[in-house]
Amino acid sequence: MRLEDNRMYQNQIFDIIVKRALAGERAPQTGEYKSLPPIIKVLAKQGRIKVEVYAHNWRVIEILKGSNAGVRTKEPSGPGAPYLVY
């Protein structure tokens, strides 16, 4: 089974994102966890998160479901709009 198809691993990554958002920290970066980019996309397709990608691949993730809906990970320090939102 691919990690991105593993519901338990999806939930673990979602919990990590929520904890980082609550702490005002940066979203997890590629390489920190196995299969992170595909799992982030799965969570977005499920409607659990929204991802905004800024310059230098800085990602801001907003929680859309649960008691922490509306909480976001750390915003980029520079100006500019996201070039990709999913």
N, C-alpha and C. Protein backbone atom coordinates (compact mmCIF):
# COMPACT_ATOMS: atom_id res chain seq x y z
N MET A 1 0.84 -1.19 0.00
CA MET A 1 0.00 0.00 0.00
C MET A 1 0.88 1.25 0.00
N ARG A 2 0.54 2.19 -0.86
CA ARG A 2 1.27 3.45 -0.89
C ARG A 2 0.91 4.27 0.35
N LEU A 3 1.89 5.02 0.86
CA LEU A 3 1.64 5.81 2.07
C LEU A 3 0.49 6.80 1.87
N GLU A 4 0.39 7.39 0.67
CA GLU A 4 -0.67 8.37 0.47
C GLU A 4 -2.07 7.74 0.48
N ASP A 5 -2.15 6.41 0.36
CA ASP A 5 -3.42 5.70 0.45
C ASP A 5 -3.72 5.21 1.87
N ASN A 6 -2.78 5.38 2.77
CA ASN A 6 -2.90 4.89 4.14
C ASN A 6 -3.61 5.96 5.00
N ARG A 7 -4.84 5.69 5.37
CA ARG A 7 -5.65 6.66 6.12
C ARG A 7 -5.01 7.05 7.45
N MET A 8 -4.38 6.09 8.13
CA MET A 8 -3.74 6.38 9.41
C MET A 8 -2.58 7.37 9.21
N TYR A 9 -1.78 7.17 8.16
CA TYR A 9 -0.66 8.08 7.89
C TYR A 9 -1.19 9.45 7.47
N GLN A 10 -2.27 9.49 6.71
CA GLN A 10 -2.90 10.77 6.35
C GLN A 10 -3.28 11.52 7.62
N ASN A 11 -3.89 10.83 8.56
CA ASN A 11 -4.30 11.46 9.82
C ASN A 11 -3.11 11.94 10.63
N GLN A 12 -2.01 11.19 10.61
CA GLN A 12 -0.80 11.61 11.33
C GLN A 12 -0.25 12.90 10.74
N ILE A 13 -0.19 12.98 9.41
CA ILE A 13 0.31 14.18 8.76
C ILE A 13 -0.64 15.36 9.03
N PHE A 14 -1.94 15.11 8.96
CA PHE A 14 -2.92 16.17 9.26
C PHE A 14 -2.70 16.69 10.68
N ASP A 15 -2.50 15.80 11.64
CA ASP A 15 -2.27 16.22 13.03
C ASP A 15 -0.99 17.04 13.17
N ILE A 16 0.04 16.68 12.43
CA ILE A 16 1.30 17.45 12.45
C ILE A 16 1.06 18.85 11.90
N ILE A 17 0.31 18.95 10.82
CA ILE A 17 0.00 20.25 10.22
C ILE A 17 -0.80 21.10 11.21
N VAL A 18 -1.79 20.52 11.85
CA VAL A 18 -2.60 21.25 12.83
C VAL A 18 -1.71 21.76 13.97
N LYS A 19 -0.85 20.92 14.50
CA LYS A 19 0.04 21.34 15.59
C LYS A 19 0.94 22.49 15.17
N ARG A 20 1.47 22.42 13.95
CA ARG A 20 2.33 23.50 13.47
C ARG A 20 1.54 24.79 13.27
N ALA A 21 0.33 24.66 12.76
CA ALA A 21 -0.50 25.85 12.57
C ALA A 21 -0.84 26.49 13.91
N LEU A 22 -1.21 25.69 14.89
CA LEU A 22 -1.54 26.22 16.21
C LEU A 22 -0.33 26.90 16.86
N ALA A 23 0.86 26.40 16.56
CA ALA A 23 2.08 26.97 17.13
C ALA A 23 2.62 28.14 16.30
N GLY A 24 1.98 28.43 15.15
CA GLY A 24 2.45 29.51 14.29
C GLY A 24 3.73 29.17 13.56
N GLU A 25 3.96 27.89 13.34
CA GLU A 25 5.18 27.44 12.68
C GLU A 25 4.96 27.25 11.19
N ARG A 26 6.08 27.09 10.50
CA ARG A 26 6.05 26.84 9.06
C ARG A 26 5.45 25.47 8.76
N ALA A 27 4.79 25.36 7.61
CA ALA A 27 4.24 24.08 7.17
C ALA A 27 5.37 23.08 6.96
N PRO A 28 5.09 21.79 7.12
CA PRO A 28 6.12 20.78 6.87
C PRO A 28 6.67 20.92 5.45
N GLN A 29 7.97 20.69 5.33
CA GLN A 29 8.63 20.82 4.04
C GLN A 29 8.89 19.45 3.44
N THR A 30 8.97 19.43 2.11
CA THR A 30 9.28 18.19 1.41
C THR A 30 10.56 17.60 1.98
N GLY A 31 10.57 16.33 2.24
CA GLY A 31 11.74 15.66 2.79
C GLY A 31 11.66 15.43 4.29
N GLU A 32 10.78 16.14 4.98
CA GLU A 32 10.65 15.94 6.42
C GLU A 32 9.93 14.63 6.75
N TYR A 33 8.99 14.26 5.90
CA TYR A 33 8.19 13.05 6.12
C TYR A 33 8.08 12.30 4.80
N LYS A 34 7.96 10.98 4.87
CA LYS A 34 7.82 10.17 3.67
C LYS A 34 6.52 10.51 2.94
N SER A 35 6.60 10.60 1.63
CA SER A 35 5.44 10.82 0.75
C SER A 35 4.65 12.08 1.12
N LEU A 36 5.33 13.11 1.62
CA LEU A 36 4.62 14.31 2.06
C LEU A 36 3.84 15.01 0.93
N PRO A 37 4.46 15.33 -0.22
CA PRO A 37 3.68 16.04 -1.25
C PRO A 37 2.41 15.31 -1.68
N PRO A 38 2.44 13.99 -1.94
CA PRO A 38 1.19 13.33 -2.33
C PRO A 38 0.15 13.33 -1.21
N ILE A 39 0.58 13.22 0.03
CA ILE A 39 -0.38 13.21 1.14
C ILE A 39 -1.00 14.58 1.32
N ILE A 40 -0.22 15.64 1.16
CA ILE A 40 -0.76 17.00 1.22
C ILE A 40 -1.85 17.17 0.16
N LYS A 41 -1.58 16.67 -1.04
CA LYS A 41 -2.58 16.76 -2.12
C LYS A 41 -3.84 15.96 -1.79
N VAL A 42 -3.67 14.79 -1.21
CA VAL A 42 -4.83 13.97 -0.81
C VAL A 42 -5.66 14.71 0.23
N LEU A 43 -5.00 15.29 1.23
CA LEU A 43 -5.72 16.03 2.28
C LEU A 43 -6.48 17.22 1.69
N ALA A 44 -5.88 17.88 0.70
CA ALA A 44 -6.55 19.00 0.04
C ALA A 44 -7.76 18.52 -0.76
N LYS A 45 -7.60 17.41 -1.47
CA LYS A 45 -8.72 16.85 -2.24
C LYS A 45 -9.86 16.41 -1.33
N GLN A 46 -9.52 15.98 -0.12
CA GLN A 46 -10.55 15.58 0.86
C GLN A 46 -11.25 16.79 1.48
N GLY A 47 -10.72 17.99 1.21
CA GLY A 47 -11.31 19.20 1.78
C GLY A 47 -10.90 19.48 3.21
N ARG A 48 -9.85 18.82 3.67
CA ARG A 48 -9.40 19.01 5.05
C ARG A 48 -8.46 20.20 5.20
N ILE A 49 -7.74 20.54 4.12
CA ILE A 49 -6.80 21.66 4.14
C ILE A 49 -6.86 22.42 2.82
N LYS A 50 -6.35 23.65 2.86
CA LYS A 50 -6.12 24.44 1.65
C LYS A 50 -4.65 24.81 1.66
N VAL A 51 -4.00 24.70 0.51
CA VAL A 51 -2.57 24.97 0.42
C VAL A 51 -2.36 26.16 -0.51
N GLU A 52 -1.56 27.12 -0.06
CA GLU A 52 -1.14 28.26 -0.88
C GLU A 52 0.37 28.16 -1.03
N VAL A 53 0.86 28.20 -2.26
CA VAL A 53 2.29 28.09 -2.51
C VAL A 53 2.81 29.44 -2.99
N TYR A 54 3.80 29.96 -2.28
CA TYR A 54 4.40 31.26 -2.57
C TYR A 54 5.79 31.07 -3.17
N ALA A 55 6.47 32.18 -3.41
CA ALA A 55 7.84 32.15 -3.93
C ALA A 55 8.72 31.25 -3.06
N HIS A 56 9.68 30.63 -3.70
CA HIS A 56 10.63 29.73 -3.02
C HIS A 56 9.92 28.53 -2.41
N ASN A 57 8.77 28.16 -2.96
CA ASN A 57 7.97 27.01 -2.51
C ASN A 57 7.55 27.10 -1.04
N TRP A 58 7.42 28.31 -0.53
CA TRP A 58 6.89 28.49 0.83
C TRP A 58 5.42 28.14 0.81
N ARG A 59 5.02 27.23 1.65
CA ARG A 59 3.62 26.81 1.70
C ARG A 59 2.93 27.30 2.97
N VAL A 60 1.74 27.81 2.78
CA VAL A 60 0.87 28.15 3.90
C VAL A 60 -0.31 27.21 3.81
N ILE A 61 -0.56 26.49 4.89
CA ILE A 61 -1.65 25.52 4.90
C ILE A 61 -2.71 25.98 5.90
N GLU A 62 -3.94 26.06 5.42
CA GLU A 62 -5.07 26.44 6.26
C GLU A 62 -5.89 25.19 6.57
N ILE A 63 -6.23 25.03 7.83
CA ILE A 63 -7.07 23.91 8.26
C ILE A 63 -8.52 24.26 7.92
N LEU A 64 -9.20 23.36 7.23
CA LEU A 64 -10.58 23.61 6.81
C LEU A 64 -11.61 22.80 7.58
N LYS A 65 -11.20 21.72 8.24
CA LYS A 65 -12.14 20.84 8.94
C LYS A 65 -11.74 20.70 10.40
N GLY A 66 -12.73 20.47 11.25
CA GLY A 66 -12.46 20.20 12.65
C GLY A 66 -12.51 21.44 13.52
N SER A 67 -12.17 21.25 14.78
CA SER A 67 -12.26 22.34 15.75
C SER A 67 -11.23 23.44 15.52
N ASN A 68 -10.22 23.17 14.71
CA ASN A 68 -9.19 24.16 14.43
C ASN A 68 -9.33 24.78 13.04
N ALA A 69 -10.50 24.66 12.44
CA ALA A 69 -10.73 25.24 11.11
C ALA A 69 -10.42 26.73 11.13
N GLY A 70 -9.74 27.18 10.09
CA GLY A 70 -9.37 28.59 9.98
C GLY A 70 -7.96 28.90 10.44
N VAL A 71 -7.34 27.99 11.17
CA VAL A 71 -5.97 28.19 11.64
C VAL A 71 -5.02 27.93 10.47
N ARG A 72 -3.97 28.76 10.37
CA ARG A 72 -3.02 28.67 9.26
C ARG A 72 -1.59 28.53 9.78
N THR A 73 -0.76 27.88 8.98
CA THR A 73 0.66 27.82 9.30
C THR A 73 1.28 29.19 9.02
N LYS A 74 2.52 29.34 9.39
CA LYS A 74 3.23 30.62 9.30
C LYS A 74 3.19 31.19 7.89
N GLU A 75 2.92 32.48 7.82
CA GLU A 75 2.88 33.20 6.55
C GLU A 75 4.31 33.50 6.08
N PRO A 76 4.51 33.67 4.76
CA PRO A 76 5.85 34.03 4.28
C PRO A 76 6.21 35.44 4.73
N SER A 77 7.49 35.70 4.86
CA SER A 77 7.92 37.02 5.35
C SER A 77 7.91 38.08 4.26
N GLY A 78 8.03 37.66 3.02
CA GLY A 78 8.08 38.62 1.92
C GLY A 78 6.72 38.91 1.33
N PRO A 79 6.67 39.94 0.48
CA PRO A 79 5.41 40.29 -0.18
C PRO A 79 5.09 39.31 -1.31
N GLY A 80 3.90 39.42 -1.80
CA GLY A 80 3.53 38.62 -2.96
C GLY A 80 2.37 37.69 -2.68
N ALA A 81 1.67 37.40 -3.75
CA ALA A 81 0.52 36.50 -3.68
C ALA A 81 0.96 35.08 -4.00
N PRO A 82 0.20 34.10 -3.59
CA PRO A 82 0.55 32.72 -3.94
C PRO A 82 0.44 32.51 -5.45
N TYR A 83 1.34 31.70 -5.99
CA TYR A 83 1.26 31.39 -7.41
C TYR A 83 0.48 30.11 -7.67
N LEU A 84 0.15 29.38 -6.59
CA LEU A 84 -0.62 28.15 -6.72
C LEU A 84 -1.46 27.98 -5.46
N VAL A 85 -2.72 27.63 -5.65
CA VAL A 85 -3.62 27.36 -4.52
C VAL A 85 -4.36 26.08 -4.83
N TYR A 86 -4.37 25.16 -3.87
CA TYR A 86 -5.15 23.93 -4.05
C TYR A 86 -5.65 23.45 -2.71
